[in-house]
Structure formats: structure tokens, C-alpha cells
N, C-alpha and C. Protein backbone atom coordinates (compact mmCIF):
# COMPACT_ATOMS: atom_id res chain seq x y z
N MET A 1 17.52 -34.90 307.65
CA MET A 1 18.90 -35.26 307.92
C MET A 1 18.96 -36.72 308.34
N SER A 2 19.95 -37.38 307.83
CA SER A 2 20.11 -38.78 308.21
C SER A 2 21.17 -38.85 309.30
N SER A 3 20.93 -39.73 310.21
CA SER A 3 21.91 -39.90 311.27
C SER A 3 22.62 -41.22 311.07
N THR A 4 23.87 -41.23 311.43
CA THR A 4 24.63 -42.46 311.32
C THR A 4 24.91 -42.97 312.71
N ASN A 5 24.83 -44.25 312.84
CA ASN A 5 25.12 -44.86 314.14
C ASN A 5 26.62 -44.97 314.32
N PRO A 6 27.09 -44.70 315.51
CA PRO A 6 28.53 -44.85 315.75
C PRO A 6 28.91 -46.32 315.64
N PRO A 7 30.12 -46.61 315.19
CA PRO A 7 30.52 -48.00 315.05
C PRO A 7 30.55 -48.70 316.40
N THR A 8 30.05 -49.91 316.41
CA THR A 8 30.07 -50.70 317.64
C THR A 8 31.40 -51.44 317.70
N SER A 9 31.68 -52.00 318.88
CA SER A 9 32.94 -52.74 319.01
C SER A 9 32.94 -53.95 318.10
N GLN A 10 31.75 -54.54 317.87
CA GLN A 10 31.66 -55.69 316.97
C GLN A 10 32.01 -55.28 315.54
N SER A 11 31.43 -54.16 315.05
CA SER A 11 31.71 -53.75 313.67
C SER A 11 33.15 -53.28 313.51
N VAL A 12 33.71 -52.66 314.53
CA VAL A 12 35.10 -52.22 314.45
C VAL A 12 36.02 -53.43 314.38
N SER A 13 35.75 -54.45 315.18
CA SER A 13 36.64 -55.61 315.15
C SER A 13 36.52 -56.34 313.81
N THR A 14 35.31 -56.39 313.23
CA THR A 14 35.15 -57.01 311.92
C THR A 14 35.88 -56.21 310.86
N LEU A 15 35.78 -54.88 310.94
CA LEU A 15 36.48 -54.02 310.00
C LEU A 15 37.99 -54.20 310.15
N THR A 16 38.47 -54.30 311.36
CA THR A 16 39.88 -54.52 311.61
C THR A 16 40.32 -55.86 311.02
N GLN A 17 39.47 -56.88 311.20
CA GLN A 17 39.79 -58.19 310.62
C GLN A 17 39.87 -58.11 309.11
N LEU A 18 38.95 -57.38 308.49
CA LEU A 18 38.96 -57.24 307.04
C LEU A 18 40.23 -56.54 306.56
N LYS A 19 40.60 -55.47 307.25
CA LYS A 19 41.77 -54.70 306.85
C LYS A 19 43.06 -55.48 307.04
N THR A 20 43.13 -56.29 308.07
CA THR A 20 44.38 -57.00 308.36
C THR A 20 44.40 -58.40 307.76
N GLY A 21 43.29 -58.83 307.21
CA GLY A 21 43.24 -60.16 306.61
C GLY A 21 43.19 -61.27 307.64
N ASN A 22 42.83 -60.95 308.87
CA ASN A 22 42.77 -61.94 309.93
C ASN A 22 41.38 -62.54 310.08
N LEU A 23 40.77 -62.85 308.99
CA LEU A 23 39.45 -63.46 309.03
C LEU A 23 39.59 -64.95 309.31
N PRO A 24 38.58 -65.52 309.92
CA PRO A 24 38.65 -66.96 310.15
C PRO A 24 38.66 -67.71 308.81
N LYS A 25 39.37 -68.82 308.77
CA LYS A 25 39.44 -69.62 307.55
C LYS A 25 38.08 -70.25 307.29
N LEU A 26 37.59 -70.08 306.08
CA LEU A 26 36.32 -70.67 305.70
C LEU A 26 36.58 -71.94 304.90
N LYS A 27 35.78 -72.93 305.18
CA LYS A 27 35.89 -74.16 304.41
C LYS A 27 34.97 -74.04 303.21
N LEU A 28 35.55 -73.99 302.03
CA LEU A 28 34.78 -73.80 300.81
C LEU A 28 34.55 -75.15 300.13
N SER A 29 33.43 -75.24 299.46
CA SER A 29 33.15 -76.44 298.69
C SER A 29 34.04 -76.45 297.46
N LYS A 30 34.16 -77.62 296.83
CA LYS A 30 34.98 -77.71 295.62
C LYS A 30 34.41 -76.83 294.52
N THR A 31 33.09 -76.73 294.45
CA THR A 31 32.46 -75.87 293.44
C THR A 31 32.81 -74.42 293.67
N ALA A 32 32.78 -73.99 294.93
CA ALA A 32 33.12 -72.60 295.25
C ALA A 32 34.59 -72.32 294.92
N LYS A 33 35.47 -73.26 295.25
CA LYS A 33 36.89 -73.08 294.94
C LYS A 33 37.10 -72.99 293.43
N SER A 34 36.41 -73.84 292.68
CA SER A 34 36.52 -73.81 291.22
C SER A 34 36.03 -72.49 290.66
N THR A 35 34.94 -71.99 291.21
CA THR A 35 34.38 -70.71 290.75
C THR A 35 35.35 -69.58 291.02
N ILE A 36 35.94 -69.57 292.20
CA ILE A 36 36.91 -68.53 292.56
C ILE A 36 38.12 -68.60 291.65
N LEU A 37 38.66 -69.79 291.44
CA LEU A 37 39.82 -69.95 290.56
C LEU A 37 39.48 -69.52 289.14
N SER A 38 38.32 -69.91 288.68
CA SER A 38 37.87 -69.56 287.34
C SER A 38 37.81 -68.04 287.17
N ASN A 39 37.25 -67.36 288.15
CA ASN A 39 37.15 -65.90 288.10
C ASN A 39 38.52 -65.23 288.15
N GLU A 40 39.43 -65.78 288.95
CA GLU A 40 40.78 -65.23 289.02
C GLU A 40 41.50 -65.38 287.68
N ILE A 41 41.33 -66.53 287.04
CA ILE A 41 41.94 -66.76 285.73
C ILE A 41 41.38 -65.76 284.72
N LYS A 42 40.07 -65.60 284.70
CA LYS A 42 39.44 -64.66 283.76
C LYS A 42 39.97 -63.25 283.97
N THR A 43 40.02 -62.81 285.22
CA THR A 43 40.48 -61.46 285.54
C THR A 43 41.93 -61.26 285.08
N PHE A 44 42.78 -62.24 285.35
CA PHE A 44 44.18 -62.15 284.96
C PHE A 44 44.30 -62.01 283.45
N ILE A 45 43.60 -62.87 282.71
CA ILE A 45 43.71 -62.86 281.25
C ILE A 45 43.14 -61.57 280.67
N VAL A 46 41.98 -61.14 281.16
CA VAL A 46 41.38 -59.89 280.66
C VAL A 46 42.34 -58.73 280.86
N ASN A 47 42.93 -58.65 282.04
CA ASN A 47 43.87 -57.55 282.32
C ASN A 47 45.09 -57.61 281.41
N ASP A 48 45.59 -58.81 281.12
CA ASP A 48 46.74 -58.95 280.22
C ASP A 48 46.38 -58.56 278.79
N ILE A 49 45.23 -59.00 278.33
CA ILE A 49 44.82 -58.69 276.95
C ILE A 49 44.62 -57.19 276.78
N LYS A 50 44.12 -56.54 277.80
CA LYS A 50 43.90 -55.09 277.71
C LYS A 50 45.20 -54.30 277.58
N LEU A 51 46.33 -54.94 277.86
CA LEU A 51 47.63 -54.28 277.69
C LEU A 51 48.04 -54.21 276.22
N ILE A 52 47.39 -55.00 275.39
CA ILE A 52 47.72 -55.04 273.96
C ILE A 52 47.14 -53.80 273.29
N PRO A 53 47.96 -53.04 272.58
CA PRO A 53 47.43 -51.86 271.89
C PRO A 53 46.35 -52.26 270.88
N ASN A 54 45.27 -51.53 270.89
CA ASN A 54 44.15 -51.74 269.96
C ASN A 54 43.55 -53.14 270.02
N PHE A 55 43.54 -53.74 271.21
CA PHE A 55 42.97 -55.08 271.34
C PHE A 55 41.50 -55.10 270.92
N GLU A 56 40.83 -53.95 270.97
CA GLU A 56 39.41 -53.87 270.65
C GLU A 56 39.12 -54.31 269.21
N THR A 57 40.12 -54.22 268.35
CA THR A 57 39.93 -54.58 266.94
C THR A 57 40.16 -56.07 266.68
N MET A 58 40.49 -56.83 267.71
CA MET A 58 40.87 -58.23 267.55
C MET A 58 39.76 -59.20 267.94
N ASN A 59 38.50 -58.76 267.88
CA ASN A 59 37.42 -59.58 268.41
C ASN A 59 37.26 -60.95 267.76
N THR A 60 37.65 -61.11 266.51
CA THR A 60 37.57 -62.43 265.88
C THR A 60 38.94 -62.93 265.42
N ASP A 61 39.98 -62.39 265.99
CA ASP A 61 41.34 -62.79 265.64
C ASP A 61 41.59 -64.20 266.21
N LEU A 62 41.77 -65.15 265.33
CA LEU A 62 41.92 -66.54 265.76
C LEU A 62 43.22 -66.78 266.51
N GLU A 63 44.23 -65.98 266.20
CA GLU A 63 45.50 -66.10 266.93
C GLU A 63 45.30 -65.65 268.38
N LEU A 64 44.49 -64.64 268.59
CA LEU A 64 44.18 -64.20 269.95
C LEU A 64 43.44 -65.31 270.71
N VAL A 65 42.49 -65.95 270.05
CA VAL A 65 41.75 -67.05 270.68
C VAL A 65 42.71 -68.17 271.08
N LYS A 66 43.62 -68.49 270.19
CA LYS A 66 44.60 -69.54 270.48
C LYS A 66 45.47 -69.17 271.67
N HIS A 67 45.90 -67.92 271.75
CA HIS A 67 46.72 -67.48 272.87
C HIS A 67 45.93 -67.50 274.18
N ILE A 68 44.67 -67.13 274.13
CA ILE A 68 43.85 -67.19 275.35
C ILE A 68 43.72 -68.64 275.79
N CYS A 69 43.53 -69.55 274.86
CA CYS A 69 43.48 -70.98 275.20
C CYS A 69 44.78 -71.42 275.88
N ASN A 70 45.91 -70.98 275.33
CA ASN A 70 47.21 -71.32 275.93
C ASN A 70 47.34 -70.74 277.34
N MET A 71 46.86 -69.53 277.53
CA MET A 71 46.93 -68.91 278.85
C MET A 71 46.08 -69.68 279.86
N VAL A 72 44.88 -70.06 279.46
CA VAL A 72 44.01 -70.82 280.36
C VAL A 72 44.68 -72.14 280.73
N GLU A 73 45.27 -72.78 279.74
CA GLU A 73 45.97 -74.05 279.99
C GLU A 73 47.13 -73.85 280.97
N GLU A 74 47.88 -72.80 280.78
CA GLU A 74 49.02 -72.53 281.65
C GLU A 74 48.58 -72.18 283.08
N LEU A 75 47.52 -71.39 283.18
CA LEU A 75 47.08 -70.94 284.51
C LEU A 75 46.32 -72.02 285.28
N ASN A 76 45.76 -72.99 284.58
CA ASN A 76 45.06 -74.06 285.28
C ASN A 76 45.45 -75.41 284.66
N ARG A 77 46.51 -75.93 285.14
CA ARG A 77 46.90 -77.27 284.72
C ARG A 77 45.99 -78.27 285.42
N LYS A 78 45.91 -79.47 284.93
CA LYS A 78 44.99 -80.47 285.48
C LYS A 78 45.21 -80.72 286.97
N GLU A 79 46.45 -80.60 287.41
CA GLU A 79 46.70 -80.84 288.83
C GLU A 79 46.15 -79.73 289.71
N VAL A 80 45.86 -78.56 289.14
CA VAL A 80 45.28 -77.46 289.93
C VAL A 80 43.80 -77.71 290.14
N ASP A 81 43.04 -77.79 289.08
CA ASP A 81 41.61 -78.06 289.19
C ASP A 81 41.11 -78.66 287.87
N PRO A 82 41.00 -79.98 287.83
CA PRO A 82 40.60 -80.63 286.59
C PRO A 82 39.14 -80.39 286.20
N LYS A 83 38.34 -79.87 287.12
CA LYS A 83 36.92 -79.70 286.85
C LYS A 83 36.58 -78.37 286.19
N ILE A 84 37.53 -77.48 286.08
CA ILE A 84 37.25 -76.19 285.47
C ILE A 84 37.02 -76.38 283.98
N ASP A 85 35.98 -75.74 283.47
CA ASP A 85 35.65 -75.80 282.06
C ASP A 85 36.47 -74.73 281.34
N LYS A 86 37.58 -75.15 280.77
CA LYS A 86 38.51 -74.21 280.15
C LYS A 86 37.89 -73.50 278.94
N LYS A 87 37.11 -74.24 278.18
CA LYS A 87 36.46 -73.64 277.01
C LYS A 87 35.51 -72.53 277.44
N ALA A 88 34.77 -72.76 278.52
CA ALA A 88 33.85 -71.73 279.04
C ALA A 88 34.63 -70.50 279.49
N ILE A 89 35.81 -70.71 280.09
CA ILE A 89 36.63 -69.58 280.52
C ILE A 89 37.06 -68.75 279.30
N VAL A 90 37.51 -69.41 278.25
CA VAL A 90 37.94 -68.70 277.04
C VAL A 90 36.78 -67.89 276.47
N LEU A 91 35.62 -68.51 276.36
CA LEU A 91 34.45 -67.80 275.82
C LEU A 91 34.04 -66.64 276.72
N ASP A 92 34.09 -66.85 278.04
CA ASP A 92 33.75 -65.77 278.98
C ASP A 92 34.71 -64.59 278.84
N VAL A 93 36.00 -64.90 278.73
CA VAL A 93 37.01 -63.84 278.57
C VAL A 93 36.71 -63.02 277.32
N LEU A 94 36.41 -63.72 276.23
CA LEU A 94 36.12 -63.01 274.98
C LEU A 94 34.84 -62.19 275.09
N LYS A 95 33.86 -62.69 275.81
CA LYS A 95 32.61 -61.94 275.99
C LYS A 95 32.83 -60.71 276.88
N ILE A 96 33.75 -60.82 277.82
CA ILE A 96 34.08 -59.66 278.67
C ILE A 96 34.82 -58.61 277.83
N LEU A 97 35.78 -59.06 277.05
CA LEU A 97 36.58 -58.14 276.23
C LEU A 97 35.78 -57.54 275.09
N PHE A 98 34.89 -58.35 274.51
CA PHE A 98 34.12 -57.94 273.33
C PHE A 98 32.63 -58.21 273.57
N PRO A 99 31.98 -57.36 274.35
CA PRO A 99 30.56 -57.61 274.71
C PRO A 99 29.61 -57.60 273.51
N ASP A 100 30.05 -57.06 272.38
CA ASP A 100 29.18 -56.97 271.20
C ASP A 100 29.39 -58.13 270.22
N LEU A 101 30.02 -59.22 270.66
CA LEU A 101 30.19 -60.37 269.77
C LEU A 101 28.82 -60.89 269.34
N SER A 102 28.68 -61.13 268.06
CA SER A 102 27.41 -61.65 267.56
C SER A 102 27.32 -63.15 267.85
N VAL A 103 26.14 -63.72 267.69
CA VAL A 103 25.94 -65.14 267.88
C VAL A 103 26.79 -65.91 266.86
N ASP A 104 26.83 -65.43 265.63
CA ASP A 104 27.64 -66.08 264.60
C ASP A 104 29.13 -66.06 264.94
N GLN A 105 29.61 -64.92 265.43
CA GLN A 105 31.02 -64.82 265.81
C GLN A 105 31.32 -65.77 266.98
N THR A 106 30.42 -65.82 267.94
CA THR A 106 30.61 -66.70 269.10
C THR A 106 30.64 -68.16 268.66
N MET A 107 29.76 -68.53 267.74
CA MET A 107 29.73 -69.91 267.25
C MET A 107 31.01 -70.24 266.47
N MET A 108 31.52 -69.28 265.70
CA MET A 108 32.76 -69.48 264.96
C MET A 108 33.93 -69.69 265.93
N ILE A 109 33.99 -68.85 266.96
CA ILE A 109 35.06 -68.96 267.97
C ILE A 109 34.93 -70.28 268.71
N ASP A 110 33.72 -70.67 269.05
CA ASP A 110 33.47 -71.94 269.74
C ASP A 110 34.01 -73.11 268.91
N ALA A 111 33.73 -73.09 267.61
CA ALA A 111 34.21 -74.15 266.72
C ALA A 111 35.74 -74.12 266.62
N PHE A 112 36.32 -72.92 266.60
CA PHE A 112 37.77 -72.82 266.52
C PHE A 112 38.43 -73.35 267.79
N ILE A 113 37.82 -73.10 268.94
CA ILE A 113 38.37 -73.64 270.20
C ILE A 113 38.36 -75.16 270.14
N ASP A 114 37.27 -75.75 269.66
CA ASP A 114 37.20 -77.21 269.50
C ASP A 114 38.32 -77.70 268.58
N PHE A 115 38.52 -76.99 267.46
CA PHE A 115 39.57 -77.35 266.51
C PHE A 115 40.94 -77.30 267.16
N ILE A 116 41.20 -76.24 267.91
CA ILE A 116 42.49 -76.08 268.60
C ILE A 116 42.74 -77.25 269.54
N CYS A 117 41.73 -77.59 270.33
CA CYS A 117 41.89 -78.65 271.32
C CYS A 117 42.02 -80.03 270.67
N GLN A 118 41.23 -80.30 269.64
CA GLN A 118 41.27 -81.60 268.97
C GLN A 118 42.57 -81.83 268.22
N ASN A 119 43.23 -80.77 267.83
CA ASN A 119 44.46 -80.89 267.05
C ASN A 119 45.71 -80.56 267.86
N ASP A 120 45.59 -80.63 269.18
CA ASP A 120 46.73 -80.42 270.09
C ASP A 120 47.51 -79.15 269.79
N MET A 121 46.78 -78.08 269.52
CA MET A 121 47.43 -76.80 269.22
C MET A 121 47.61 -75.95 270.48
N VAL A 122 47.14 -76.45 271.62
CA VAL A 122 47.33 -75.74 272.88
C VAL A 122 48.66 -76.20 273.44
N SER A 123 49.57 -75.26 273.55
CA SER A 123 50.90 -75.61 274.03
C SER A 123 51.10 -75.14 275.45
N LYS A 124 52.04 -75.75 276.10
CA LYS A 124 52.40 -75.33 277.45
C LYS A 124 53.39 -74.18 277.33
N LEU A 125 53.03 -73.06 277.89
CA LEU A 125 53.94 -71.91 277.89
C LEU A 125 54.83 -71.99 279.11
N SER A 126 56.05 -71.60 278.97
CA SER A 126 56.94 -71.59 280.13
C SER A 126 56.60 -70.42 281.03
N SER A 127 56.00 -69.38 280.44
CA SER A 127 55.60 -68.22 281.22
C SER A 127 54.47 -67.51 280.50
N VAL A 128 53.45 -67.15 281.25
CA VAL A 128 52.31 -66.46 280.66
C VAL A 128 52.73 -65.10 280.12
N SER A 129 53.74 -64.52 280.69
CA SER A 129 54.17 -63.20 280.23
C SER A 129 54.68 -63.23 278.79
N LYS A 130 55.10 -64.40 278.30
CA LYS A 130 55.54 -64.50 276.91
C LYS A 130 54.40 -64.14 275.96
N PHE A 131 53.18 -64.41 276.40
CA PHE A 131 52.01 -64.14 275.57
C PHE A 131 51.93 -62.66 275.21
N VAL A 132 51.97 -61.82 276.21
CA VAL A 132 51.84 -60.38 275.96
C VAL A 132 52.98 -59.90 275.09
N GLY A 133 54.18 -60.40 275.33
CA GLY A 133 55.32 -59.99 274.51
C GLY A 133 55.18 -60.43 273.07
N SER A 134 54.68 -61.64 272.85
CA SER A 134 54.56 -62.13 271.46
C SER A 134 53.48 -61.38 270.71
N ILE A 135 52.37 -61.08 271.35
CA ILE A 135 51.29 -60.36 270.69
C ILE A 135 51.72 -58.91 270.41
N THR A 136 52.33 -58.28 271.40
CA THR A 136 52.77 -56.91 271.24
C THR A 136 53.79 -56.81 270.10
N LYS A 137 54.70 -57.77 270.05
CA LYS A 137 55.71 -57.78 268.98
C LYS A 137 55.04 -57.96 267.62
N LYS A 138 54.05 -58.85 267.57
CA LYS A 138 53.34 -59.12 266.32
C LYS A 138 52.60 -57.87 265.83
N ILE A 139 52.00 -57.15 266.75
CA ILE A 139 51.23 -55.95 266.40
C ILE A 139 52.16 -54.83 265.94
N SER A 140 53.31 -54.70 266.60
CA SER A 140 54.20 -53.59 266.26
C SER A 140 54.91 -53.78 264.91
N ASN A 141 54.92 -55.01 264.40
CA ASN A 141 55.57 -55.26 263.10
C ASN A 141 54.70 -54.87 261.94
């Protein structure tokens, strides 16, 4: 039988702090802040893409890649964090959504992202929610 130790006043107060969000403010490095923002952007985009019916079949859909690029641009404008590697975020999102992407598919998508950026095809969206609506509408037609 395993025995559990009763919670100490120290662990209870830490647990209370966690539950109430009253933790002391931590000073994070710029790299840590960028990493956190990057992960939040990825999570947001992955969750939005998963709302699209049959998104699993869109692993090499270039229109999807373009929309993900637009979402990354909208969620992280230069004034938010200019050091975030937006291309890496797009590729990471696609790898999360489609873990079975081949090396050839990844290289094709990588080249397409370069093409999109070099030809100013990344537009500023007035709202990220327009993305899900436009894709859903496109699929339902």
C-alpha cells in the first residue's frame, strides 16, 4: 500500500495560488516570450483548422497553406513580435495537423510559402474568423 503525505501549508498555498492565478509575476526573456506567443498562435490556428469539415484531406491544399499564412500574419503583426519565424509556424501547424506529410510534400509547401511571401499574397485580414467562414463556405459548395 502506498501512503500519501497530507498537504502541507506550503503546498496548499501554492495550489491556491495556481487556482486563483495569483502567482508572482515572472520576468521572461524575449526568447521565452516569443516561444510562448509562437505556441499560442499554433494552438489557435490548429484548433480553427480542425473546425473545417474533412480538413484531414487538405494536407497539400495550397489554398489552405495560404490561409494559414494569412492567419499567422494577422495573429502576429510586426509590432507584436518581429522575431517570430512565421514560416516555421506555418510549417509546424501543418506538421501538427498532418503528421504523415512526406519530405517531398513538406518541401513543396515550403517553396509555396516562399512564393506567397515573395509575391505579396499574404493579406491582412480584418478578422481571423473570416478564415473559417471562407473555407467552410468553399467546402460546402
